[in-house]
Amino acid sequence: MKGVNQELARLGHDVLLAKGSGYFYFWTGEAADWLDRTVNVPSLSALTLDQWVEEFRRLQKLNREILNQTAKSAAVKKKTP
């Protein structure tokens, strides 16, 4: 995990990878408010370093989309009398 976390930091991301029970997840920093942060793999070696970085980017994009949709829905509800 240290290598993945170092690579993410080198790429300018404020996030850490941690191990759960049968999965891994990104937390802290920019992932603190994410609704989806898990990668369902049994071991760290299931993915290469490049694949871990790609999983982070995939979840980053997904969460941006989720949070944008949530914000848009909230704005519409506020405008509706």
PDB file of N, CA and C in Angstrom:
ATOM      1  N   MET A   1       0.817  -1.186   0.000  1.00  0.00           N
ATOM      2  CA  MET A   1       0.000   0.000   0.000  1.00  0.00           C
ATOM      3  C   MET A   1       0.864   1.254   0.000  1.00  0.00           C
ATOM      4  N   LYS A   2       1.989   1.143   0.651  1.00  0.00           N
ATOM      5  CA  LYS A   2       2.875   2.303   0.720  1.00  0.00           C
ATOM      6  C   LYS A   2       3.235   2.801  -0.678  1.00  0.00           C
ATOM      7  N   GLY A   3       3.525   1.875  -1.583  1.00  0.00           N
ATOM      8  CA  GLY A   3       3.874   2.254  -2.949  1.00  0.00           C
ATOM      9  C   GLY A   3       2.726   2.937  -3.680  1.00  0.00           C
ATOM     10  N   VAL A   4       1.513   2.428  -3.494  1.00  0.00           N
ATOM     11  CA  VAL A   4       0.336   3.041  -4.125  1.00  0.00           C
ATOM     12  C   VAL A   4       0.125   4.441  -3.561  1.00  0.00           C
ATOM     13  N   ASN A   5       0.197   4.566  -2.239  1.00  0.00           N
ATOM     14  CA  ASN A   5       0.007   5.879  -1.613  1.00  0.00           C
ATOM     15  C   ASN A   5       1.084   6.872  -2.034  1.00  0.00           C
ATOM     16  N   GLN A   6       2.317   6.394  -2.159  1.00  0.00           N
ATOM     17  CA  GLN A   6       3.395   7.277  -2.612  1.00  0.00           C
ATOM     18  C   GLN A   6       3.170   7.732  -4.048  1.00  0.00           C
ATOM     19  N   GLU A   7       2.715   6.822  -4.891  1.00  0.00           N
ATOM     20  CA  GLU A   7       2.464   7.177  -6.291  1.00  0.00           C
ATOM     21  C   GLU A   7       1.319   8.188  -6.404  1.00  0.00           C
ATOM     22  N   LEU A   8       0.256   7.977  -5.646  1.00  0.00           N
ATOM     23  CA  LEU A   8      -0.854   8.930  -5.667  1.00  0.00           C
ATOM     24  C   LEU A   8      -0.395  10.306  -5.183  1.00  0.00           C
ATOM     25  N   ALA A   9       0.429  10.343  -4.139  1.00  0.00           N
ATOM     26  CA  ALA A   9       0.973  11.611  -3.640  1.00  0.00           C
ATOM     27  C   ALA A   9       1.872  12.255  -4.684  1.00  0.00           C
ATOM     28  N   ARG A  10       2.696  11.444  -5.353  1.00  0.00           N
ATOM     29  CA  ARG A  10       3.591  11.968  -6.391  1.00  0.00           C
ATOM     30  C   ARG A  10       2.789  12.606  -7.519  1.00  0.00           C
ATOM     31  N   LEU A  11       1.611  12.045  -7.789  1.00  0.00           N
ATOM     32  CA  LEU A  11       0.746  12.569  -8.839  1.00  0.00           C
ATOM     33  C   LEU A  11      -0.085  13.766  -8.364  1.00  0.00           C
ATOM     34  N   GLY A  12       0.086  14.150  -7.103  1.00  0.00           N
ATOM     35  CA  GLY A  12      -0.577  15.340  -6.590  1.00  0.00           C
ATOM     36  C   GLY A  12      -1.918  15.096  -5.927  1.00  0.00           C
ATOM     37  N   HIS A  13      -2.225  13.848  -5.596  1.00  0.00           N
ATOM     38  CA  HIS A  13      -3.509  13.532  -4.970  1.00  0.00           C
ATOM     39  C   HIS A  13      -3.362  13.447  -3.455  1.00  0.00           C
ATOM     40  N   ASP A  14      -4.300  14.071  -2.769  1.00  0.00           N
ATOM     41  CA  ASP A  14      -4.347  14.055  -1.307  1.00  0.00           C
ATOM     42  C   ASP A  14      -5.329  12.963  -0.886  1.00  0.00           C
ATOM     43  N   VAL A  15      -4.848  11.725  -0.811  1.00  0.00           N
ATOM     44  CA  VAL A  15      -5.703  10.578  -0.527  1.00  0.00           C
ATOM     45  C   VAL A  15      -4.829   9.423  -0.053  1.00  0.00           C
ATOM     46  N   LEU A  16      -5.436   8.491   0.666  1.00  0.00           N
ATOM     47  CA  LEU A  16      -4.718   7.296   1.095  1.00  0.00           C
ATOM     48  C   LEU A  16      -5.534   6.063   0.750  1.00  0.00           C
ATOM     49  N   LEU A  17      -4.843   4.989   0.425  1.00  0.00           N
ATOM     50  CA  LEU A  17      -5.469   3.695   0.202  1.00  0.00           C
ATOM     51  C   LEU A  17      -5.364   2.907   1.497  1.00  0.00           C
ATOM     52  N   ALA A  18      -6.456   2.257   1.897  1.00  0.00           N
ATOM     53  CA  ALA A  18      -6.470   1.445   3.110  1.00  0.00           C
ATOM     54  C   ALA A  18      -7.130   0.108   2.814  1.00  0.00           C
ATOM     55  N   LYS A  19      -6.883  -0.871   3.688  1.00  0.00           N
ATOM     56  CA  LYS A  19      -7.442  -2.205   3.513  1.00  0.00           C
ATOM     57  C   LYS A  19      -8.636  -2.411   4.418  1.00  0.00           C
ATOM     58  N   GLY A  20      -9.714  -2.923   3.831  1.00  0.00           N
ATOM     59  CA  GLY A  20     -10.883  -3.337   4.591  1.00  0.00           C
ATOM     60  C   GLY A  20     -10.901  -4.861   4.634  1.00  0.00           C
ATOM     61  N   SER A  21     -11.995  -5.436   4.991  1.00  0.00           N
ATOM     62  CA  SER A  21     -12.135  -6.889   5.048  1.00  0.00           C
ATOM     63  C   SER A  21     -12.585  -7.407   3.685  1.00  0.00           C
ATOM     64  N   GLY A  22     -11.629  -7.822   2.856  1.00  0.00           N
ATOM     65  CA  GLY A  22     -11.939  -8.317   1.519  1.00  0.00           C
ATOM     66  C   GLY A  22     -12.025  -7.245   0.456  1.00  0.00           C
ATOM     67  N   TYR A  23     -11.633  -6.047   0.778  1.00  0.00           N
ATOM     68  CA  TYR A  23     -11.659  -4.944  -0.181  1.00  0.00           C
ATOM     69  C   TYR A  23     -10.659  -3.877   0.252  1.00  0.00           C
ATOM     70  N   PHE A  24     -10.458  -2.906  -0.613  1.00  0.00           N
ATOM     71  CA  PHE A  24      -9.608  -1.755  -0.316  1.00  0.00           C
ATOM     72  C   PHE A  24     -10.445  -0.509  -0.536  1.00  0.00           C
ATOM     73  N   TYR A  25     -10.039   0.592   0.070  1.00  0.00           N
ATOM     74  CA  TYR A  25     -10.798   1.823  -0.094  1.00  0.00           C
ATOM     75  C   TYR A  25      -9.881   3.037   0.005  1.00  0.00           C
ATOM     76  N   PHE A  26     -10.297   4.099  -0.662  1.00  0.00           N
ATOM     77  CA  PHE A  26      -9.598   5.377  -0.611  1.00  0.00           C
ATOM     78  C   PHE A  26     -10.265   6.230   0.448  1.00  0.00           C
ATOM     79  N   TRP A  27      -9.470   6.931   1.235  1.00  0.00           N
ATOM     80  CA  TRP A  27     -10.022   7.761   2.299  1.00  0.00           C
ATOM     81  C   TRP A  27      -9.137   8.971   2.544  1.00  0.00           C
ATOM     82  N   THR A  28      -9.602   9.863   3.346  1.00  0.00           N
ATOM     83  CA  THR A  28      -8.995  11.143   3.712  1.00  0.00           C
ATOM     84  C   THR A  28      -8.873  12.079   2.517  1.00  0.00           C
ATOM     85  N   GLY A  29      -8.521  13.318   2.813  1.00  0.00           N
ATOM     86  CA  GLY A  29      -8.279  14.307   1.756  1.00  0.00           C
ATOM     87  C   GLY A  29      -9.427  14.414   0.783  1.00  0.00           C
ATOM     88  N   GLU A  30      -9.110  14.331  -0.485  1.00  0.00           N
ATOM     89  CA  GLU A  30     -10.137  14.524  -1.507  1.00  0.00           C
ATOM     90  C   GLU A  30     -11.171  13.412  -1.555  1.00  0.00           C
ATOM     91  N   ALA A  31     -10.898  12.261  -0.945  1.00  0.00           N
ATOM     92  CA  ALA A  31     -11.866  11.162  -0.918  1.00  0.00           C
ATOM     93  C   ALA A  31     -12.753  11.194   0.322  1.00  0.00           C
ATOM     94  N   ALA A  32     -12.570  12.170   1.183  1.00  0.00           N
ATOM     95  CA  ALA A  32     -13.292  12.223   2.459  1.00  0.00           C
ATOM     96  C   ALA A  32     -14.813  12.269   2.275  1.00  0.00           C
ATOM     97  N   ASP A  33     -15.291  12.945   1.250  1.00  0.00           N
ATOM     98  CA  ASP A  33     -16.736  13.073   1.038  1.00  0.00           C
ATOM     99  C   ASP A  33     -17.280  12.160  -0.053  1.00  0.00           C
ATOM    100  N   TRP A  34     -16.446  11.251  -0.536  1.00  0.00           N
ATOM    101  CA  TRP A  34     -16.891  10.353  -1.598  1.00  0.00           C
ATOM    102  C   TRP A  34     -17.986   9.427  -1.098  1.00  0.00           C
ATOM    103  N   LEU A  35     -18.947   9.139  -1.955  1.00  0.00           N
ATOM    104  CA  LEU A  35     -19.997   8.181  -1.636  1.00  0.00           C
ATOM    105  C   LEU A  35     -19.581   6.772  -2.031  1.00  0.00           C
ATOM    106  N   ASP A  36     -18.757   6.648  -3.038  1.00  0.00           N
ATOM    107  CA  ASP A  36     -18.243   5.345  -3.473  1.00  0.00           C
ATOM    108  C   ASP A  36     -16.731   5.430  -3.465  1.00  0.00           C
ATOM    109  N   ARG A  37     -16.089   4.626  -2.635  1.00  0.00           N
ATOM    110  CA  ARG A  37     -14.640   4.692  -2.488  1.00  0.00           C
ATOM    111  C   ARG A  37     -13.961   3.344  -2.478  1.00  0.00           C
ATOM    112  N   THR A  38     -14.719   2.277  -2.702  1.00  0.00           N
ATOM    113  CA  THR A  38     -14.159   0.936  -2.545  1.00  0.00           C
ATOM    114  C   THR A  38     -13.717   0.309  -3.858  1.00  0.00           C
ATOM    115  N   VAL A  39     -12.693  -0.540  -3.728  1.00  0.00           N
ATOM    116  CA  VAL A  39     -12.202  -1.363  -4.828  1.00  0.00           C
ATOM    117  C   VAL A  39     -12.299  -2.799  -4.324  1.00  0.00           C
ATOM    118  N   ASN A  40     -13.149  -3.584  -4.950  1.00  0.00           N
ATOM    119  CA  ASN A  40     -13.413  -4.940  -4.480  1.00  0.00           C
ATOM    120  C   ASN A  40     -12.428  -5.944  -5.059  1.00  0.00           C
ATOM    121  N   VAL A  41     -11.263  -5.983  -4.477  1.00  0.00           N
ATOM    122  CA  VAL A  41     -10.252  -6.977  -4.818  1.00  0.00           C
ATOM    123  C   VAL A  41      -9.762  -7.607  -3.510  1.00  0.00           C
ATOM    124  N   PRO A  42      -9.398  -8.893  -3.545  1.00  0.00           N
ATOM    125  CA  PRO A  42      -9.012  -9.575  -2.307  1.00  0.00           C
ATOM    126  C   PRO A  42      -7.625  -9.235  -1.784  1.00  0.00           C
ATOM    127  N   SER A  43      -6.756  -8.772  -2.682  1.00  0.00           N
ATOM    128  CA  SER A  43      -5.386  -8.477  -2.241  1.00  0.00           C
ATOM    129  C   SER A  43      -4.821  -7.302  -3.022  1.00  0.00           C
ATOM    130  N   LEU A  44      -3.838  -6.669  -2.433  1.00  0.00           N
ATOM    131  CA  LEU A  44      -3.184  -5.529  -3.067  1.00  0.00           C
ATOM    132  C   LEU A  44      -2.560  -5.930  -4.399  1.00  0.00           C
ATOM    133  N   SER A  45      -2.026  -7.146  -4.451  1.00  0.00           N
ATOM    134  CA  SER A  45      -1.352  -7.614  -5.663  1.00  0.00           C
ATOM    135  C   SER A  45      -2.314  -7.983  -6.792  1.00  0.00           C
ATOM    136  N   ALA A  46      -3.616  -7.894  -6.540  1.00  0.00           N
ATOM    137  CA  ALA A  46      -4.600  -8.178  -7.585  1.00  0.00           C
ATOM    138  C   ALA A  46      -4.534  -7.147  -8.706  1.00  0.00           C
ATOM    139  N   LEU A  47      -4.016  -5.949  -8.395  1.00  0.00           N
ATOM    140  CA  LEU A  47      -3.874  -4.895  -9.388  1.00  0.00           C
ATOM    141  C   LEU A  47      -2.429  -4.409  -9.422  1.00  0.00           C
ATOM    142  N   THR A  48      -2.004  -3.958 -10.582  1.00  0.00           N
ATOM    143  CA  THR A  48      -0.682  -3.348 -10.700  1.00  0.00           C
ATOM    144  C   THR A  48      -0.753  -1.916 -10.171  1.00  0.00           C
ATOM    145  N   LEU A  49       0.380  -1.288 -10.009  1.00  0.00           N
ATOM    146  CA  LEU A  49       0.417   0.104  -9.557  1.00  0.00           C
ATOM    147  C   LEU A  49      -0.382   0.990 -10.504  1.00  0.00           C
ATOM    148  N   ASP A  50      -0.184   0.810 -11.802  1.00  0.00           N
ATOM    149  CA  ASP A  50      -0.934   1.602 -12.779  1.00  0.00           C
ATOM    150  C   ASP A  50      -2.442   1.358 -12.668  1.00  0.00           C
ATOM    151  N   GLN A  51      -2.837   0.113 -12.399  1.00  0.00           N
ATOM    152  CA  GLN A  51      -4.257  -0.193 -12.252  1.00  0.00           C
ATOM    153  C   GLN A  51      -4.842   0.439 -10.990  1.00  0.00           C
ATOM    154  N   TRP A  52      -4.055   0.500  -9.903  1.00  0.00           N
ATOM    155  CA  TRP A  52      -4.522   1.177  -8.693  1.00  0.00           C
ATOM    156  C   TRP A  52      -4.748   2.657  -8.957  1.00  0.00           C
ATOM    157  N   VAL A  53      -3.825   3.267  -9.667  1.00  0.00           N
ATOM    158  CA  VAL A  53      -3.976   4.692 -10.006  1.00  0.00           C
ATOM    159  C   VAL A  53      -5.205   4.871 -10.887  1.00  0.00           C
ATOM    160  N   GLU A  54      -5.429   3.960 -11.819  1.00  0.00           N
ATOM    161  CA  GLU A  54      -6.598   4.051 -12.690  1.00  0.00           C
ATOM    162  C   GLU A  54      -7.892   3.865 -11.901  1.00  0.00           C
ATOM    163  N   GLU A  55      -7.892   2.973 -10.925  1.00  0.00           N
ATOM    164  CA  GLU A  55      -9.066   2.796 -10.064  1.00  0.00           C
ATOM    165  C   GLU A  55      -9.358   4.073  -9.286  1.00  0.00           C
ATOM    166  N   PHE A  56      -8.301   4.707  -8.782  1.00  0.00           N
ATOM    167  CA  PHE A  56      -8.493   5.980  -8.087  1.00  0.00           C
ATOM    168  C   PHE A  56      -9.135   6.994  -9.028  1.00  0.00           C
ATOM    169  N   ARG A  57      -8.626   7.116 -10.225  1.00  0.00           N
ATOM    170  CA  ARG A  57      -9.164   8.090 -11.187  1.00  0.00           C
ATOM    171  C   ARG A  57     -10.607   7.763 -11.562  1.00  0.00           C
ATOM    172  N   ARG A  58     -10.908   6.460 -11.704  1.00  0.00           N
ATOM    173  CA  ARG A  58     -12.275   6.046 -12.025  1.00  0.00           C
ATOM    174  C   ARG A  58     -13.231   6.458 -10.899  1.00  0.00           C
ATOM    175  N   LEU A  59     -12.843   6.185  -9.660  1.00  0.00           N
ATOM    176  CA  LEU A  59     -13.686   6.548  -8.524  1.00  0.00           C
ATOM    177  C   LEU A  59     -13.773   8.060  -8.344  1.00  0.00           C
ATOM    178  N   GLN A  60     -12.698   8.760  -8.622  1.00  0.00           N
ATOM    179  CA  GLN A  60     -12.696  10.221  -8.550  1.00  0.00           C
ATOM    180  C   GLN A  60     -13.726  10.781  -9.531  1.00  0.00           C
ATOM    181  N   LYS A  61     -13.707  10.289 -10.758  1.00  0.00           N
ATOM    182  CA  LYS A  61     -14.654  10.745 -11.782  1.00  0.00           C
ATOM    183  C   LYS A  61     -16.087  10.370 -11.404  1.00  0.00           C
ATOM    184  N   LEU A  62     -16.293   9.144 -10.954  1.00  0.00           N
ATOM    185  CA  LEU A  62     -17.623   8.686 -10.562  1.00  0.00           C
ATOM    186  C   LEU A  62     -18.189   9.557  -9.446  1.00  0.00           C
ATOM    187  N   ASN A  63     -17.382   9.845  -8.449  1.00  0.00           N
ATOM    188  CA  ASN A  63     -17.853  10.659  -7.331  1.00  0.00           C
ATOM    189  C   ASN A  63     -18.131  12.090  -7.734  1.00  0.00           C
ATOM    190  N   ARG A  64     -17.354  12.630  -8.637  1.00  0.00           N
ATOM    191  CA  ARG A  64     -17.660  13.973  -9.157  1.00  0.00           C
ATOM    192  C   ARG A  64     -19.036  13.977  -9.807  1.00  0.00           C
ATOM    193  N   GLU A  65     -19.307  12.941 -10.612  1.00  0.00           N
ATOM    194  CA  GLU A  65     -20.601  12.849 -11.291  1.00  0.00           C
ATOM    195  C   GLU A  65     -21.734  12.691 -10.283  1.00  0.00           C
ATOM    196  N   ILE A  66     -21.536  11.830  -9.277  1.00  0.00           N
ATOM    197  CA  ILE A  66     -22.559  11.627  -8.252  1.00  0.00           C
ATOM    198  C   ILE A  66     -22.822  12.930  -7.500  1.00  0.00           C
ATOM    199  N   LEU A  67     -21.771  13.576  -7.065  1.00  0.00           N
ATOM    200  CA  LEU A  67     -21.932  14.803  -6.280  1.00  0.00           C
ATOM    201  C   LEU A  67     -22.518  15.933  -7.117  1.00  0.00           C
ATOM    202  N   ASN A  68     -22.179  16.001  -8.412  1.00  0.00           N
ATOM    203  CA  ASN A  68     -22.768  17.019  -9.285  1.00  0.00           C
ATOM    204  C   ASN A  68     -24.258  16.770  -9.458  1.00  0.00           C
ATOM    205  N   GLN A  69     -24.655  15.510  -9.630  1.00  0.00           N
ATOM    206  CA  GLN A  69     -26.071  15.177  -9.767  1.00  0.00           C
ATOM    207  C   GLN A  69     -26.832  15.525  -8.492  1.00  0.00           C
ATOM    208  N   THR A  70     -26.225  15.230  -7.347  1.00  0.00           N
ATOM    209  CA  THR A  70     -26.851  15.539  -6.069  1.00  0.00           C
ATOM    210  C   THR A  70     -27.033  17.041  -5.906  1.00  0.00           C
ATOM    211  N   ALA A  71     -26.009  17.807  -6.272  1.00  0.00           N
ATOM    212  CA  ALA A  71     -26.083  19.262  -6.165  1.00  0.00           C
ATOM    213  C   ALA A  71     -27.158  19.821  -7.104  1.00  0.00           C
ATOM    214  N   LYS A  72     -27.239  19.282  -8.312  1.00  0.00           N
ATOM    215  CA  LYS A  72     -28.242  19.742  -9.265  1.00  0.00           C
ATOM    216  C   LYS A  72     -29.642  19.419  -8.767  1.00  0.00           C
ATOM    217  N   SER A  73     -29.819  18.234  -8.202  1.00  0.00           N
ATOM    218  CA  SER A  73     -31.137  17.853  -7.670  1.00  0.00           C
ATOM    219  C   SER A  73     -31.538  18.757  -6.514  1.00  0.00           C
ATOM    220  N   ALA A  74     -30.603  19.074  -5.660  1.00  0.00           N
ATOM    221  CA  ALA A  74     -30.875  19.955  -4.525  1.00  0.00           C
ATOM    222  C   ALA A  74     -31.255  21.348  -5.003  1.00  0.00           C
ATOM    223  N   ALA A  75     -30.585  21.834  -6.041  1.00  0.00           N
ATOM    224  CA  ALA A  75     -30.887  23.161  -6.576  1.00  0.00           C
ATOM    225  C   ALA A  75     -32.290  23.200  -7.184  1.00  0.00           C
ATOM    226  N   VAL A  76     -32.663  22.140  -7.868  1.00  0.00           N
ATOM    227  CA  VAL A  76     -34.001  22.070  -8.468  1.00  0.00           C
ATOM    228  C   VAL A  76     -35.060  22.044  -7.366  1.00  0.00           C
ATOM    229  N   LYS A  77     -34.815  21.290  -6.301  1.00  0.00           N
ATOM    230  CA  LYS A  77     -35.784  21.213  -5.206  1.00  0.00           C
ATOM    231  C   LYS A  77     -35.956  22.554  -4.521  1.00  0.00           C
ATOM    232  N   LYS A  78     -34.886  23.332  -4.402  1.00  0.00           N
ATOM    233  CA  LYS A  78     -34.969  24.657  -3.773  1.00  0.00           C
ATOM    234  C   LYS A  78     -35.811  25.611  -4.614  1.00  0.00           C
ATOM    235  N   LYS A  79     -35.717  25.475  -5.934  1.00  0.00           N
ATOM    236  CA  LYS A  79     -36.462  26.370  -6.828  1.00  0.00           C
ATOM    237  C   LYS A  79     -37.928  25.994  -6.914  1.00  0.00           C
ATOM    238  N   THR A  80     -38.264  24.737  -6.652  1.00  0.00           N
ATOM    239  CA  THR A  80     -39.636  24.297  -6.727  1.00  0.00           C
ATOM    240  C   THR A  80     -40.416  24.750  -5.508  1.00  0.00           C
ATOM    241  N   PRO A  81     -41.535  25.467  -5.720  1.00  0.00           N
ATOM    242  CA  PRO A  81     -42.313  25.967  -4.569  1.00  0.00           C
ATOM    243  C   PRO A  81     -43.063  24.857  -3.871  1.00  0.00           C
TER     244      PRO A  81
END
